[in-house]
């Protein structure tokens, strides 16, 4: 009988992490610049997209910064006490926590914006104003910063991890529910259009020309 070989540990070099971080950072900078320069994109939905891009940039910066710091410490280019290294690691984890929560909140805001666009099309500009979208983004980042601070202060508590995981799946459930509702409405509209009296004659003329 052949013995099963033990699982080999795959080591990803620091250069790979750094390259991915830089590429992601540049992509999100391009997204933000495109929205800022194009006045046609100065609408609430694209402001939420900017918020999402900033959150992704925070992930890229924190990962790149952490990769460089680990490389310098492992190669003895800089010497730090263990307690200080743990504090730095907590800061990196907090930044990642803030960016993940901000990404989820921004995606949820985009889903709500699209939901209002479809179900309250005539009142959309009264409901989702630029000022209101800016206030929503400010609330998102205030909330995310609070989550990051709590994560640093109580990172050893399992309750904090449970709350973050619960919040993640709750927002995911809300987004999926909104998009399913929008999909069902779109399918209902397609069926109603297909059932119109003039639809069959249009199809017949199209097939005869065809």
Protein backbone atom coordinates (compact mmCIF):
# COMPACT_ATOMS: atom_id res chain seq x y z
CA UNK A 1 0.00 0.00 0.00
CA UNK A 2 1.31 3.39 -0.95
CA UNK A 3 1.62 5.87 1.86
CA UNK A 4 -0.12 9.17 1.47
CA UNK A 5 2.34 12.01 1.12
CA UNK A 6 1.90 14.79 3.67
CA UNK A 7 0.42 18.06 2.45
CA UNK A 8 3.09 20.44 1.32
CA UNK A 9 2.98 24.00 2.53
CA UNK A 10 2.65 26.49 -0.30
CA UNK A 11 4.64 29.64 0.32
CA UNK A 12 3.58 32.76 -1.55
CA UNK A 13 6.38 35.27 -1.84
CA UNK A 14 6.07 38.84 -0.61
CA UNK A 15 6.53 40.10 -4.16
CA UNK A 16 3.27 38.44 -5.24
CA UNK A 17 1.27 40.05 -2.42
CA UNK A 18 2.90 43.41 -3.09
CA UNK A 19 2.22 43.21 -6.84
CA UNK A 20 -1.43 42.29 -6.32
CA UNK A 21 -1.82 45.13 -3.83
CA UNK A 22 -0.32 47.70 -6.20
CA UNK A 23 -2.43 46.50 -9.16
CA UNK A 24 -5.62 46.64 -7.07
CA UNK A 25 -4.68 50.09 -5.79
CA UNK A 26 -4.13 51.44 -9.31
CA UNK A 27 -7.40 49.94 -10.57
CA UNK A 28 -9.41 51.59 -7.82
CA UNK A 29 -7.64 54.91 -8.33
CA UNK A 30 -8.65 54.76 -12.01
CA UNK A 31 -12.27 54.07 -11.02
CA UNK A 32 -12.36 57.05 -8.67
CA UNK A 33 -10.67 59.35 -11.21
CA UNK A 34 -13.14 58.31 -13.93
CA UNK A 35 -16.12 59.08 -11.70
CA UNK A 36 -14.67 62.40 -10.49
CA UNK A 37 -13.80 63.64 -14.00
CA UNK A 38 -17.01 62.50 -15.73
CA UNK A 39 -19.86 64.80 -14.63
CA UNK A 40 -22.42 62.36 -16.03
CA UNK A 41 -21.38 59.95 -13.28
CA UNK A 42 -22.00 62.41 -10.45
CA UNK A 43 -25.00 60.51 -9.11
CA UNK A 44 -25.70 58.69 -5.82
CA UNK A 45 -25.02 55.21 -7.20
CA UNK A 46 -21.56 56.18 -8.46
CA UNK A 47 -20.80 57.88 -5.15
CA UNK A 48 -21.46 54.50 -3.52
CA UNK A 49 -19.16 52.92 -6.12
CA UNK A 50 -16.47 55.43 -5.07
CA UNK A 51 -16.99 54.40 -1.46
CA UNK A 52 -16.54 50.78 -2.50
CA UNK A 53 -13.35 51.67 -4.40
CA UNK A 54 -11.94 53.50 -1.36
CA UNK A 55 -12.67 50.43 0.78
CA UNK A 56 -10.85 48.22 -1.72
CA UNK A 57 -7.95 50.69 -1.74
CA UNK A 58 -7.74 50.42 2.04
CA UNK A 59 -7.40 46.64 1.72
CA UNK A 60 -4.67 47.04 -0.90
CA UNK A 61 -2.72 49.58 1.15
CA UNK A 62 -2.99 47.58 4.38
CA UNK A 63 -1.94 44.33 2.68
CA UNK A 64 1.00 46.00 0.93
CA UNK A 65 2.06 47.74 4.12
CA UNK A 66 1.79 44.52 6.13
CA UNK A 67 3.76 42.57 3.50
CA UNK A 68 6.58 45.13 3.52
CA UNK A 69 6.66 45.22 7.33
CA UNK A 70 6.80 41.41 7.64
CA UNK A 71 9.56 41.26 5.03
CA UNK A 72 11.65 43.87 6.85
CA UNK A 73 11.18 42.16 10.23
CA UNK A 74 11.94 38.65 8.94
CA UNK A 75 15.09 39.81 7.19
CA UNK A 76 16.29 41.78 10.23
CA UNK A 77 16.24 45.10 8.40
CA UNK A 78 14.30 46.51 11.34
CA UNK A 79 14.17 45.21 14.89
CA UNK A 80 11.04 45.61 16.99
CA UNK A 81 9.87 44.30 20.32
CA UNK A 82 7.25 41.56 20.25
CA UNK A 83 4.68 43.74 21.99
CA UNK A 84 5.09 46.49 19.38
CA UNK A 85 4.82 43.95 16.56
CA UNK A 86 1.53 42.72 18.03
CA UNK A 87 0.22 46.29 18.16
CA UNK A 88 1.14 46.81 14.50
CA UNK A 89 -0.54 43.52 13.59
CA UNK A 90 -3.69 44.68 15.39
CA UNK A 91 -3.65 47.91 13.38
CA UNK A 92 -3.40 45.96 10.12
CA UNK A 93 -6.23 43.66 11.19
CA UNK A 94 -8.33 46.68 12.15
CA UNK A 95 -7.75 48.29 8.74
CA UNK A 96 -8.80 45.09 7.01
CA UNK A 97 -11.88 44.88 9.26
CA UNK A 98 -12.83 48.48 8.40
CA UNK A 99 -12.36 47.87 4.68
CA UNK A 100 -14.36 44.63 4.65
CA UNK A 101 -17.28 46.16 6.56
CA UNK A 102 -17.14 49.28 4.36
CA UNK A 103 -17.18 47.12 1.22
CA UNK A 104 -20.22 45.20 2.41
CA UNK A 105 -22.04 48.39 3.46
CA UNK A 106 -21.24 50.06 0.12
CA UNK A 107 -22.48 47.03 -1.81
CA UNK A 108 -25.66 47.05 0.27
CA UNK A 109 -26.10 50.79 -0.42
CA UNK A 110 -25.72 50.13 -4.17
CA UNK A 111 -28.33 47.36 -3.96
CA UNK A 112 -30.76 49.65 -2.09
CA UNK A 113 -30.14 52.40 -4.65
CA UNK A 114 -30.95 50.04 -7.54
CA UNK A 115 -34.01 48.81 -5.65
CA UNK A 116 -35.34 52.36 -5.27
CA UNK A 117 -34.57 53.03 -8.95
CA UNK A 118 -36.75 50.10 -10.04
CA UNK A 119 -39.61 50.21 -7.54
CA UNK A 120 -39.82 53.97 -7.00
CA UNK A 121 -38.58 55.26 -10.34
CA UNK A 122 -40.70 58.42 -10.40
CA UNK A 123 -39.69 59.41 -6.88
CA UNK A 124 -36.04 58.30 -7.11
CA UNK A 125 -34.52 61.79 -7.36
CA UNK A 126 -36.57 62.94 -4.38
CA UNK A 127 -35.67 59.92 -2.27
CA UNK A 128 -31.99 59.46 -3.16
CA UNK A 129 -30.52 62.96 -3.37
CA UNK A 130 -26.81 63.75 -3.57
CA UNK A 131 -26.88 65.21 -0.06
CA UNK A 132 -28.61 62.13 1.32
CA UNK A 133 -26.18 59.78 -0.40
CA UNK A 134 -23.26 61.75 1.07
CA UNK A 135 -24.81 61.42 4.52
CA UNK A 136 -25.22 57.67 4.01
CA UNK A 137 -21.55 57.33 3.00
CA UNK A 138 -20.48 59.36 6.05
CA UNK A 139 -22.56 57.07 8.29
CA UNK A 140 -21.06 53.99 6.62
CA UNK A 141 -17.48 55.06 7.29
CA UNK A 142 -18.24 56.24 10.82
CA UNK A 143 -19.81 52.87 11.56
CA UNK A 144 -16.89 50.99 9.97
CA UNK A 145 -14.31 53.02 11.90
CA UNK A 146 -16.18 52.19 15.10
CA UNK A 147 -16.08 48.50 14.16
CA UNK A 148 -12.32 48.75 13.59
CA UNK A 149 -11.74 50.41 16.97
CA UNK A 150 -13.85 47.79 18.74
CA UNK A 151 -11.92 45.07 16.90
CA UNK A 152 -8.61 46.45 18.25
CA UNK A 153 -9.88 46.84 21.82
CA UNK A 154 -11.61 43.46 22.03
CA UNK A 155 -9.79 41.37 19.42
CA UNK A 156 -9.44 38.45 21.86
CA UNK A 157 -13.19 38.28 22.51
CA UNK A 158 -15.10 35.64 20.58
CA UNK A 159 -18.27 37.75 20.84
CA UNK A 160 -16.71 40.41 18.60
CA UNK A 161 -15.88 37.81 15.94
CA UNK A 162 -19.38 36.35 16.19
CA UNK A 163 -20.93 39.83 15.81
CA UNK A 164 -18.79 40.58 12.74
CA UNK A 165 -19.66 37.26 11.11
CA UNK A 166 -23.37 37.73 11.91
CA UNK A 167 -23.29 41.26 10.48
CA UNK A 168 -21.57 39.99 7.32
CA UNK A 169 -24.17 37.30 6.64
CA UNK A 170 -27.05 39.64 7.54
CA UNK A 171 -25.92 42.20 4.96
CA UNK A 172 -25.32 39.42 2.44
CA UNK A 173 -28.85 38.10 3.03
CA UNK A 174 -30.33 41.60 2.57
CA UNK A 175 -28.45 42.11 -0.70
CA UNK A 176 -29.49 38.74 -2.09
CA UNK A 177 -33.11 39.38 -1.07
CA UNK A 178 -33.17 42.77 -2.80
CA UNK A 179 -31.68 41.42 -6.04
CA UNK A 180 -34.04 38.42 -6.03
CA UNK A 181 -37.01 40.78 -5.62
CA UNK A 182 -35.72 42.93 -8.51
CA UNK A 183 -35.23 39.84 -10.66
CA UNK A 184 -38.76 38.61 -9.97
CA UNK A 185 -40.19 42.02 -10.87
CA UNK A 186 -38.22 42.10 -14.12
CA UNK A 187 -39.43 38.60 -15.03
CA UNK A 188 -43.04 39.61 -14.29
CA UNK A 189 -42.71 42.64 -16.57
CA UNK A 190 -41.29 40.46 -19.37
CA UNK A 191 -44.25 38.08 -19.08
CA UNK A 192 -46.72 40.97 -19.15
CA UNK A 193 -45.07 42.44 -22.24
CA UNK A 194 -45.09 39.04 -23.94
CA UNK A 195 -48.82 38.69 -23.19
CA UNK A 196 -49.77 41.99 -24.86
CA UNK A 197 -52.16 41.59 -27.85
CA UNK A 198 -49.87 43.33 -30.32
CA UNK A 199 -46.83 41.30 -29.33
CA UNK A 200 -47.77 38.22 -31.39
CA UNK A 201 -48.34 40.24 -34.57
CA UNK A 202 -45.00 41.98 -34.12
CA UNK A 203 -43.28 38.62 -33.79
CA UNK A 204 -45.06 37.30 -36.91
CA UNK A 205 -43.97 40.32 -38.99
CA UNK A 206 -40.43 39.95 -37.70
CA UNK A 207 -40.32 36.25 -38.62
CA UNK A 208 -41.75 36.95 -42.11
CA UNK A 209 -39.06 39.57 -42.74
CA UNK A 210 -36.52 37.29 -41.35
